[in-house]
Amino acid sequence: MNMQYPFIPRPMPYPTPNIEEEILKLKHELKELKERISRLEQENKPNYLQKDDSLYMM
């Protein structure tokens, strides 16, 4: 005979008290990442698929 035990859930974790600060930090980090992406997109990239006579592969 199987006896079932009552399930007692764990208490929910409380949110951090300084949630506004966390949100501001995340917004700032998002802004920095967007700036980095835009800089990388505008950067001149060498075209490695161009033919170069000085390099030969065997």
N, C-alpha and C. Protein backbone atom coordinates (compact mmCIF):
# COMPACT_ATOMS: atom_id res chain seq x y z
N MET A 1 0.84 -1.18 0.00
CA MET A 1 0.00 0.00 0.00
C MET A 1 0.88 1.25 0.00
N ASN A 2 0.64 2.11 -0.95
CA ASN A 2 1.44 3.33 -1.07
C ASN A 2 0.76 4.47 -0.33
N MET A 3 1.54 5.06 0.52
CA MET A 3 1.01 6.22 1.23
C MET A 3 1.57 7.47 0.56
N GLN A 4 0.72 8.35 0.24
CA GLN A 4 1.17 9.58 -0.40
C GLN A 4 1.44 10.64 0.64
N TYR A 5 2.58 11.28 0.45
CA TYR A 5 2.96 12.35 1.36
C TYR A 5 2.52 13.69 0.78
N PRO A 6 2.19 14.62 1.61
CA PRO A 6 1.76 15.92 1.08
C PRO A 6 2.94 16.66 0.44
N PHE A 7 2.65 17.31 -0.63
CA PHE A 7 3.67 18.08 -1.33
C PHE A 7 3.68 19.49 -0.76
N ILE A 8 4.84 19.90 -0.26
CA ILE A 8 4.98 21.24 0.30
C ILE A 8 5.92 22.02 -0.61
N PRO A 9 5.40 22.97 -1.35
CA PRO A 9 6.28 23.72 -2.28
C PRO A 9 7.24 24.63 -1.53
N ARG A 10 8.34 24.88 -2.19
CA ARG A 10 9.32 25.80 -1.60
C ARG A 10 8.79 27.23 -1.70
N PRO A 11 9.18 28.07 -0.80
CA PRO A 11 8.70 29.46 -0.89
C PRO A 11 9.33 30.15 -2.12
N MET A 12 8.56 31.03 -2.69
CA MET A 12 9.04 31.78 -3.84
C MET A 12 10.11 32.77 -3.41
N PRO A 13 11.17 32.89 -4.21
CA PRO A 13 12.19 33.87 -3.83
C PRO A 13 11.67 35.29 -3.99
N TYR A 14 12.07 36.10 -3.08
CA TYR A 14 11.64 37.50 -3.13
C TYR A 14 12.47 38.25 -4.15
N PRO A 15 11.89 39.18 -4.87
CA PRO A 15 12.69 39.97 -5.82
C PRO A 15 13.68 40.85 -5.07
N THR A 16 14.71 41.20 -5.78
CA THR A 16 15.72 42.03 -5.15
C THR A 16 15.11 43.39 -4.78
N PRO A 17 15.52 43.96 -3.68
CA PRO A 17 14.92 45.23 -3.25
C PRO A 17 15.25 46.39 -4.18
N ASN A 18 16.36 46.30 -4.86
CA ASN A 18 16.76 47.41 -5.74
C ASN A 18 16.54 47.03 -7.20
N ILE A 19 15.33 46.67 -7.51
CA ILE A 19 14.99 46.23 -8.87
C ILE A 19 15.14 47.38 -9.87
N GLU A 20 14.90 48.60 -9.44
CA GLU A 20 15.07 49.75 -10.34
C GLU A 20 16.52 49.91 -10.77
N GLU A 21 17.44 49.68 -9.84
CA GLU A 21 18.85 49.78 -10.18
C GLU A 21 19.24 48.70 -11.17
N GLU A 22 18.72 47.50 -10.98
CA GLU A 22 19.01 46.41 -11.91
C GLU A 22 18.48 46.74 -13.31
N ILE A 23 17.31 47.32 -13.38
CA ILE A 23 16.74 47.68 -14.67
C ILE A 23 17.58 48.75 -15.35
N LEU A 24 18.04 49.72 -14.58
CA LEU A 24 18.89 50.77 -15.14
C LEU A 24 20.22 50.21 -15.65
N LYS A 25 20.79 49.28 -14.89
CA LYS A 25 22.04 48.64 -15.32
C LYS A 25 21.85 47.89 -16.63
N LEU A 26 20.74 47.17 -16.72
CA LEU A 26 20.48 46.41 -17.94
C LEU A 26 20.24 47.33 -19.13
N LYS A 27 19.55 48.44 -18.91
CA LYS A 27 19.34 49.40 -19.99
C LYS A 27 20.66 49.99 -20.47
N HIS A 28 21.52 50.30 -19.51
CA HIS A 28 22.84 50.86 -19.86
C HIS A 28 23.66 49.83 -20.64
N GLU A 29 23.62 48.59 -20.20
CA GLU A 29 24.36 47.55 -20.89
C GLU A 29 23.83 47.33 -22.30
N LEU A 30 22.52 47.38 -22.46
CA LEU A 30 21.92 47.26 -23.80
C LEU A 30 22.37 48.40 -24.71
N LYS A 31 22.41 49.59 -24.17
CA LYS A 31 22.84 50.75 -24.96
C LYS A 31 24.29 50.57 -25.41
N GLU A 32 25.15 50.13 -24.51
CA GLU A 32 26.56 49.92 -24.86
C GLU A 32 26.70 48.84 -25.93
N LEU A 33 25.92 47.78 -25.80
CA LEU A 33 26.01 46.71 -26.80
C LEU A 33 25.53 47.18 -28.17
N LYS A 34 24.49 48.00 -28.20
CA LYS A 34 24.02 48.54 -29.47
C LYS A 34 25.08 49.41 -30.12
N GLU A 35 25.78 50.21 -29.31
CA GLU A 35 26.84 51.05 -29.84
C GLU A 35 27.98 50.20 -30.39
N ARG A 36 28.33 49.14 -29.68
CA ARG A 36 29.40 48.27 -30.16
C ARG A 36 29.02 47.61 -31.48
N ILE A 37 27.77 47.17 -31.58
CA ILE A 37 27.31 46.53 -32.81
C ILE A 37 27.35 47.51 -33.97
N SER A 38 26.91 48.73 -33.73
CA SER A 38 26.92 49.72 -34.81
C SER A 38 28.35 50.05 -35.23
N ARG A 39 29.27 50.12 -34.27
CA ARG A 39 30.67 50.38 -34.62
C ARG A 39 31.23 49.23 -35.45
N LEU A 40 30.92 48.00 -35.06
CA LEU A 40 31.43 46.85 -35.79
C LEU A 40 30.83 46.77 -37.19
N GLU A 41 29.58 47.17 -37.34
CA GLU A 41 28.96 47.14 -38.66
C GLU A 41 29.54 48.20 -39.58
N GLN A 42 29.96 49.32 -39.04
CA GLN A 42 30.50 50.40 -39.86
C GLN A 42 32.00 50.26 -40.11
N GLU A 43 32.64 49.37 -39.42
CA GLU A 43 34.08 49.19 -39.54
C GLU A 43 34.43 48.59 -40.90
N ASN A 44 35.56 49.02 -41.45
CA ASN A 44 36.02 48.45 -42.72
C ASN A 44 36.54 47.05 -42.48
N LYS A 45 36.03 46.14 -43.27
CA LYS A 45 36.46 44.75 -43.13
C LYS A 45 37.23 44.34 -44.38
N PRO A 46 38.31 43.65 -44.19
CA PRO A 46 39.03 43.18 -45.39
C PRO A 46 38.22 42.08 -46.07
N ASN A 47 38.28 42.09 -47.36
CA ASN A 47 37.57 41.08 -48.12
C ASN A 47 38.55 39.94 -48.38
N TYR A 48 38.40 38.86 -47.65
CA TYR A 48 39.33 37.74 -47.78
C TYR A 48 39.05 36.90 -49.01
N LEU A 49 37.96 37.15 -49.70
CA LEU A 49 37.64 36.38 -50.89
C LEU A 49 38.23 36.99 -52.15
N GLN A 50 38.83 38.17 -52.02
CA GLN A 50 39.47 38.78 -53.19
C GLN A 50 40.72 37.99 -53.56
N LYS A 51 41.00 38.00 -54.84
CA LYS A 51 42.19 37.29 -55.32
C LYS A 51 43.43 38.07 -54.94
N ASP A 52 44.37 37.39 -54.35
CA ASP A 52 45.63 38.02 -53.98
C ASP A 52 46.75 37.24 -54.64
N ASP A 53 47.53 37.90 -55.49
CA ASP A 53 48.58 37.19 -56.23
C ASP A 53 49.76 36.81 -55.35
N SER A 54 49.91 37.43 -54.22
CA SER A 54 51.06 37.10 -53.39
C SER A 54 50.83 35.86 -52.53
N LEU A 55 49.60 35.40 -52.43
CA LEU A 55 49.31 34.22 -51.62
C LEU A 55 48.79 33.10 -52.52
N TYR A 56 49.43 31.98 -52.43
CA TYR A 56 49.00 30.82 -53.19
C TYR A 56 48.80 29.67 -52.23
N MET A 57 47.79 28.90 -52.51
CA MET A 57 47.58 27.69 -51.70
C MET A 57 47.94 26.48 -52.53
N MET A 58 48.50 25.51 -51.89
CA MET A 58 48.87 24.27 -52.62
C MET A 58 47.74 23.29 -52.54
